[in-house]
Amino acid sequence: SGTYGNKEECPCYNNWKTKEGKPKC
């Protein structure tokens, strides 16, 4: 929800990372 943050609501969305380990979503 919202335009920024709140990624704890969606663990899959939060935990998907790039090859460099940065957030993908």
PDB file of all heavy atoms in Angstrom:
ATOM      1  N   SER A   1       0.841  -1.195   0.000  1.00  0.00           N
ATOM      2  CA  SER A   1       0.000   0.000   0.000  1.00  0.00           C
ATOM      3  C   SER A   1       0.879   1.250   0.000  1.00  0.00           C
ATOM      4  O   SER A   1       2.032   1.226   0.421  1.00  0.00           O
ATOM      5  CB  SER A   1      -0.915  -0.012   1.224  1.00  0.00           C
ATOM      6  OG  SER A   1      -0.143  -0.006   2.405  1.00  0.00           O
ATOM      7  N   GLY A   2       0.318   2.323  -0.501  1.00  0.00           N
ATOM      8  CA  GLY A   2       1.025   3.600  -0.519  1.00  0.00           C
ATOM      9  C   GLY A   2       1.963   3.726  -1.711  1.00  0.00           C
ATOM     10  O   GLY A   2       2.089   2.839  -2.544  1.00  0.00           O
ATOM     11  N   THR A   3       2.633   4.865  -1.768  1.00  0.00           N
ATOM     12  CA  THR A   3       3.549   5.135  -2.881  1.00  0.00           C
ATOM     13  C   THR A   3       5.002   4.836  -2.523  1.00  0.00           C
ATOM     14  O   THR A   3       5.871   4.878  -3.388  1.00  0.00           O
ATOM     15  CB  THR A   3       3.440   6.611  -3.309  1.00  0.00           C
ATOM     16  OG1 THR A   3       3.723   7.438  -2.181  1.00  0.00           O
ATOM     17  CG2 THR A   3       2.059   6.933  -3.845  1.00  0.00           C
ATOM     18  N   TYR A   4       5.256   4.521  -1.248  1.00  0.00           N
ATOM     19  CA  TYR A   4       6.627   4.260  -0.804  1.00  0.00           C
ATOM     20  C   TYR A   4       6.580   3.423   0.470  1.00  0.00           C
ATOM     21  O   TYR A   4       5.686   3.582   1.296  1.00  0.00           O
ATOM     22  CB  TYR A   4       7.351   5.585  -0.523  1.00  0.00           C
ATOM     23  CG  TYR A   4       8.793   5.414  -0.104  1.00  0.00           C
ATOM     24  CD1 TYR A   4       9.788   5.186  -1.049  1.00  0.00           C
ATOM     25  CD2 TYR A   4       9.151   5.458   1.233  1.00  0.00           C
ATOM     26  CE1 TYR A   4      11.107   5.025  -0.658  1.00  0.00           C
ATOM     27  CE2 TYR A   4      10.463   5.299   1.631  1.00  0.00           C
ATOM     28  CZ  TYR A   4      11.443   5.078   0.677  1.00  0.00           C
ATOM     29  OH  TYR A   4      12.739   4.906   1.059  1.00  0.00           O
ATOM     30  N   GLY A   5       7.547   2.523   0.633  1.00  0.00           N
ATOM     31  CA  GLY A   5       7.636   1.731   1.855  1.00  0.00           C
ATOM     32  C   GLY A   5       6.549   0.676   1.945  1.00  0.00           C
ATOM     33  O   GLY A   5       6.007   0.226   0.940  1.00  0.00           O
ATOM     34  N   ASN A   6       6.242   0.255   3.147  1.00  0.00           N
ATOM     35  CA  ASN A   6       5.219  -0.756   3.455  1.00  0.00           C
ATOM     36  C   ASN A   6       5.491  -2.114   2.809  1.00  0.00           C
ATOM     37  O   ASN A   6       4.576  -2.920   2.652  1.00  0.00           O
ATOM     38  CB  ASN A   6       3.821  -0.273   3.067  1.00  0.00           C
ATOM     39  CG  ASN A   6       3.454   1.030   3.711  1.00  0.00           C
ATOM     40  OD1 ASN A   6       3.724   1.243   4.890  1.00  0.00           O
ATOM     41  ND2 ASN A   6       2.873   1.926   2.948  1.00  0.00           N
ATOM     42  N   LYS A   7       6.730  -2.379   2.450  1.00  0.00           N
ATOM     43  CA  LYS A   7       7.055  -3.641   1.770  1.00  0.00           C
ATOM     44  C   LYS A   7       6.884  -4.858   2.665  1.00  0.00           C
ATOM     45  O   LYS A   7       6.764  -5.972   2.168  1.00  0.00           O
ATOM     46  CB  LYS A   7       8.478  -3.600   1.208  1.00  0.00           C
ATOM     47  CG  LYS A   7       8.629  -2.679   0.012  1.00  0.00           C
ATOM     48  CD  LYS A   7      10.025  -2.810  -0.573  1.00  0.00           C
ATOM     49  CE  LYS A   7      10.221  -1.912  -1.765  1.00  0.00           C
ATOM     50  NZ  LYS A   7      11.553  -2.079  -2.349  1.00  0.00           N
ATOM     51  N   GLU A   8       6.827  -4.650   3.975  1.00  0.00           N
ATOM     52  CA  GLU A   8       6.620  -5.780   4.887  1.00  0.00           C
ATOM     53  C   GLU A   8       5.255  -6.430   4.659  1.00  0.00           C
ATOM     54  O   GLU A   8       5.032  -7.564   5.059  1.00  0.00           O
ATOM     55  CB  GLU A   8       6.784  -5.346   6.344  1.00  0.00           C
ATOM     56  CG  GLU A   8       5.729  -4.397   6.870  1.00  0.00           C
ATOM     57  CD  GLU A   8       5.934  -2.928   6.485  1.00  0.00           C
ATOM     58  OE1 GLU A   8       6.978  -2.578   5.895  1.00  0.00           O
ATOM     59  OE2 GLU A   8       5.030  -2.134   6.795  1.00  0.00           O
ATOM     60  N   GLU A   9       4.344  -5.738   3.997  1.00  0.00           N
ATOM     61  CA  GLU A   9       3.028  -6.310   3.674  1.00  0.00           C
ATOM     62  C   GLU A   9       3.136  -7.443   2.654  1.00  0.00           C
ATOM     63  O   GLU A   9       2.260  -8.297   2.597  1.00  0.00           O
ATOM     64  CB  GLU A   9       2.095  -5.237   3.092  1.00  0.00           C
ATOM     65  CG  GLU A   9       1.761  -4.131   4.046  1.00  0.00           C
ATOM     66  CD  GLU A   9       0.968  -3.011   3.399  1.00  0.00           C
ATOM     67  OE1 GLU A   9       0.726  -3.037   2.179  1.00  0.00           O
ATOM     68  OE2 GLU A   9       0.586  -2.098   4.136  1.00  0.00           O
ATOM     69  N   CYS A  10       4.182  -7.414   1.846  1.00  0.00           N
ATOM     70  CA  CYS A  10       4.365  -8.398   0.773  1.00  0.00           C
ATOM     71  C   CYS A  10       5.774  -8.985   0.853  1.00  0.00           C
ATOM     72  O   CYS A  10       6.689  -8.486   0.185  1.00  0.00           O
ATOM     73  CB  CYS A  10       4.184  -7.748  -0.587  1.00  0.00           C
ATOM     74  SG  CYS A  10       2.634  -6.874  -0.817  1.00  0.00           S
ATOM     75  N   PRO A  11       5.988 -10.039   1.635  1.00  0.00           N
ATOM     76  CA  PRO A  11       7.339 -10.594   1.776  1.00  0.00           C
ATOM     77  C   PRO A  11       7.990 -10.976   0.442  1.00  0.00           C
ATOM     78  O   PRO A  11       9.179 -10.722   0.249  1.00  0.00           O
ATOM     79  CB  PRO A  11       7.136 -11.820   2.658  1.00  0.00           C
ATOM     80  CG  PRO A  11       5.902 -11.516   3.443  1.00  0.00           C
ATOM     81  CD  PRO A  11       5.034 -10.701   2.521  1.00  0.00           C
ATOM     82  N   CYS A  12       7.245 -11.564  -0.473  1.00  0.00           N
ATOM     83  CA  CYS A  12       7.807 -11.932  -1.782  1.00  0.00           C
ATOM     84  C   CYS A  12       8.307 -10.677  -2.494  1.00  0.00           C
ATOM     85  O   CYS A  12       9.407 -10.643  -3.033  1.00  0.00           O
ATOM     86  CB  CYS A  12       6.733 -12.638  -2.612  1.00  0.00           C
ATOM     87  SG  CYS A  12       7.118 -12.829  -4.362  1.00  0.00           S
ATOM     88  N   TYR A  13       7.494  -9.650  -2.506  1.00  0.00           N
ATOM     89  CA  TYR A  13       7.814  -8.369  -3.143  1.00  0.00           C
ATOM     90  C   TYR A  13       9.040  -7.753  -2.472  1.00  0.00           C
ATOM     91  O   TYR A  13       9.915  -7.221  -3.123  1.00  0.00           O
ATOM     92  CB  TYR A  13       6.600  -7.457  -2.975  1.00  0.00           C
ATOM     93  CG  TYR A  13       6.541  -6.213  -3.820  1.00  0.00           C
ATOM     94  CD1 TYR A  13       5.788  -6.191  -4.995  1.00  0.00           C
ATOM     95  CD2 TYR A  13       7.177  -5.048  -3.430  1.00  0.00           C
ATOM     96  CE1 TYR A  13       5.683  -5.034  -5.755  1.00  0.00           C
ATOM     97  CE2 TYR A  13       7.084  -3.892  -4.185  1.00  0.00           C
ATOM     98  CZ  TYR A  13       6.338  -3.879  -5.344  1.00  0.00           C
ATOM     99  OH  TYR A  13       6.233  -2.742  -6.088  1.00  0.00           O
ATOM    100  N   ASN A  14       9.104  -7.859  -1.165  1.00  0.00           N
ATOM    101  CA  ASN A  14      10.188  -7.280  -0.384  1.00  0.00           C
ATOM    102  C   ASN A  14      11.501  -8.049  -0.545  1.00  0.00           C
ATOM    103  O   ASN A  14      12.574  -7.459  -0.566  1.00  0.00           O
ATOM    104  CB  ASN A  14       9.791  -7.235   1.088  1.00  0.00           C
ATOM    105  CG  ASN A  14      10.770  -6.467   1.947  1.00  0.00           C
ATOM    106  OD1 ASN A  14      11.346  -5.478   1.514  1.00  0.00           O
ATOM    107  ND2 ASN A  14      10.965  -6.928   3.154  1.00  0.00           N
ATOM    108  N   ASN A  15      11.427  -9.359  -0.666  1.00  0.00           N
ATOM    109  CA  ASN A  15      12.632 -10.198  -0.656  1.00  0.00           C
ATOM    110  C   ASN A  15      13.215 -10.490  -2.034  1.00  0.00           C
ATOM    111  O   ASN A  15      14.287 -11.083  -2.130  1.00  0.00           O
ATOM    112  CB  ASN A  15      12.339 -11.521   0.054  1.00  0.00           C
ATOM    113  CG  ASN A  15      11.966 -11.297   1.503  1.00  0.00           C
ATOM    114  OD1 ASN A  15      12.377 -10.325   2.117  1.00  0.00           O
ATOM    115  ND2 ASN A  15      11.161 -12.189   2.044  1.00  0.00           N
ATOM    116  N   TRP A  16      12.535 -10.096  -3.100  1.00  0.00           N
ATOM    117  CA  TRP A  16      13.063 -10.340  -4.448  1.00  0.00           C
ATOM    118  C   TRP A  16      14.158  -9.318  -4.709  1.00  0.00           C
ATOM    119  O   TRP A  16      13.931  -8.115  -4.698  1.00  0.00           O
ATOM    120  CB  TRP A  16      11.936 -10.231  -5.468  1.00  0.00           C
ATOM    121  CG  TRP A  16      12.242 -10.877  -6.780  1.00  0.00           C
ATOM    122  CD1 TRP A  16      13.265 -11.708  -7.077  1.00  0.00           C
ATOM    123  CD2 TRP A  16      11.487 -10.732  -7.975  1.00  0.00           C
ATOM    124  NE1 TRP A  16      13.196 -12.109  -8.390  1.00  0.00           N
ATOM    125  CE2 TRP A  16      12.116 -11.523  -8.962  1.00  0.00           C
ATOM    126  CE3 TRP A  16      10.345 -10.025  -8.318  1.00  0.00           C
ATOM    127  CZ2 TRP A  16      11.634 -11.613 -10.270  1.00  0.00           C
ATOM    128  CZ3 TRP A  16       9.871 -10.119  -9.616  1.00  0.00           C
ATOM    129  CH2 TRP A  16      10.505 -10.903 -10.578  1.00  0.00           C
ATOM    130  N   LYS A  17      15.391  -9.789  -4.943  1.00  0.00           N
ATOM    131  CA  LYS A  17      16.555  -8.898  -5.074  1.00  0.00           C
ATOM    132  C   LYS A  17      17.192  -9.021  -6.456  1.00  0.00           C
ATOM    133  O   LYS A  17      17.051 -10.024  -7.149  1.00  0.00           O
ATOM    134  CB  LYS A  17      17.621  -9.255  -4.020  1.00  0.00           C
ATOM    135  CG  LYS A  17      17.117  -9.284  -2.587  1.00  0.00           C
ATOM    136  CD  LYS A  17      16.807  -7.920  -2.064  1.00  0.00           C
ATOM    137  CE  LYS A  17      16.417  -8.015  -0.586  1.00  0.00           C
ATOM    138  NZ  LYS A  17      15.683  -6.890  -0.126  1.00  0.00           N
ATOM    139  N   THR A  18      17.958  -7.993  -6.842  1.00  0.00           N
ATOM    140  CA  THR A  18      18.737  -8.025  -8.072  1.00  0.00           C
ATOM    141  C   THR A  18      19.997  -8.856  -7.824  1.00  0.00           C
ATOM    142  O   THR A  18      20.276  -9.262  -6.691  1.00  0.00           O
ATOM    143  CB  THR A  18      19.157  -6.599  -8.491  1.00  0.00           C
ATOM    144  OG1 THR A  18      20.007  -6.067  -7.474  1.00  0.00           O
ATOM    145  CG2 THR A  18      17.948  -5.705  -8.708  1.00  0.00           C
ATOM    146  N   LYS A  19      20.781  -9.063  -8.866  1.00  0.00           N
ATOM    147  CA  LYS A  19      22.044  -9.803  -8.714  1.00  0.00           C
ATOM    148  C   LYS A  19      22.978  -9.107  -7.735  1.00  0.00           C
ATOM    149  O   LYS A  19      23.778  -9.740  -7.070  1.00  0.00           O
ATOM    150  CB  LYS A  19      22.748  -9.930 -10.068  1.00  0.00           C
ATOM    151  CG  LYS A  19      22.028 -10.821 -11.047  1.00  0.00           C
ATOM    152  CD  LYS A  19      22.731 -10.816 -12.398  1.00  0.00           C
ATOM    153  CE  LYS A  19      21.905 -11.551 -13.414  1.00  0.00           C
ATOM    154  NZ  LYS A  19      22.452 -11.448 -14.772  1.00  0.00           N
ATOM    155  N   GLU A  20      22.848  -7.785  -7.658  1.00  0.00           N
ATOM    156  CA  GLU A  20      23.698  -6.994  -6.755  1.00  0.00           C
ATOM    157  C   GLU A  20      23.172  -6.991  -5.320  1.00  0.00           C
ATOM    158  O   GLU A  20      23.765  -6.384  -4.436  1.00  0.00           O
ATOM    159  CB  GLU A  20      23.820  -5.540  -7.254  1.00  0.00           C
ATOM    160  CG  GLU A  20      24.547  -5.388  -8.570  1.00  0.00           C
ATOM    161  CD  GLU A  20      23.652  -5.684  -9.779  1.00  0.00           C
ATOM    162  OE1 GLU A  20      22.435  -5.492  -9.696  1.00  0.00           O
ATOM    163  OE2 GLU A  20      24.195  -6.114 -10.810  1.00  0.00           O
ATOM    164  N   GLY A  21      22.020  -7.609  -5.085  1.00  0.00           N
ATOM    165  CA  GLY A  21      21.457  -7.673  -3.747  1.00  0.00           C
ATOM    166  C   GLY A  21      20.554  -6.512  -3.375  1.00  0.00           C
ATOM    167  O   GLY A  21      20.136  -6.362  -2.247  1.00  0.00           O
ATOM    168  N   LYS A  22      20.262  -5.649  -4.363  1.00  0.00           N
ATOM    169  CA  LYS A  22      19.370  -4.522  -4.120  1.00  0.00           C
ATOM    170  C   LYS A  22      17.931  -4.938  -4.358  1.00  0.00           C
ATOM    171  O   LYS A  22      17.678  -5.891  -5.099  1.00  0.00           O
ATOM    172  CB  LYS A  22      19.752  -3.359  -5.043  1.00  0.00           C
ATOM    173  CG  LYS A  22      21.130  -2.801  -4.779  1.00  0.00           C
ATOM    174  CD  LYS A  22      21.462  -1.674  -5.717  1.00  0.00           C
ATOM    175  CE  LYS A  22      22.853  -1.134  -5.442  1.00  0.00           C
ATOM    176  NZ  LYS A  22      23.219  -0.070  -6.367  1.00  0.00           N
ATOM    177  N   PRO A  23      16.959  -4.217  -3.788  1.00  0.00           N
ATOM    178  CA  PRO A  23      15.561  -4.565  -4.002  1.00  0.00           C
ATOM    179  C   PRO A  23      15.175  -4.457  -5.473  1.00  0.00           C
ATOM    180  O   PRO A  23      15.521  -3.492  -6.147  1.00  0.00           O
ATOM    181  CB  PRO A  23      14.792  -3.543  -3.185  1.00  0.00           C
ATOM    182  CG  PRO A  23      15.770  -2.912  -2.273  1.00  0.00           C
ATOM    183  CD  PRO A  23      17.125  -3.089  -2.887  1.00  0.00           C
ATOM    184  N   LYS A  24      14.491  -5.488  -5.991  1.00  0.00           N
ATOM    185  CA  LYS A  24      14.063  -5.476  -7.380  1.00  0.00           C
ATOM    186  C   LYS A  24      12.735  -4.723  -7.540  1.00  0.00           C
ATOM    187  O   LYS A  24      12.475  -4.112  -8.554  1.00  0.00           O
ATOM    188  CB  LYS A  24      13.899  -6.913  -7.876  1.00  0.00           C
ATOM    189  CG  LYS A  24      13.644  -7.016  -9.358  1.00  0.00           C
ATOM    190  CD  LYS A  24      13.684  -8.462  -9.802  1.00  0.00           C
ATOM    191  CE  LYS A  24      14.027  -8.569 -11.259  1.00  0.00           C
ATOM    192  NZ  LYS A  24      15.389  -8.893 -11.531  1.00  0.00           N
ATOM    193  N   CYS A  25      11.907  -4.789  -6.504  1.00  0.00           N
ATOM    194  CA  CYS A  25      10.554  -4.225  -6.591  1.00  0.00           C
ATOM    195  C   CYS A  25      10.477  -2.847  -5.948  1.00  0.00           C
ATOM    196  O   CYS A  25      10.992  -2.647  -4.851  1.00  0.00           O
ATOM    197  CB  CYS A  25       9.575  -5.168  -5.913  1.00  0.00           C
ATOM    198  SG  CYS A  25       9.641  -6.854  -6.567  1.00  0.00           S
TER     199      CYS A  25
END
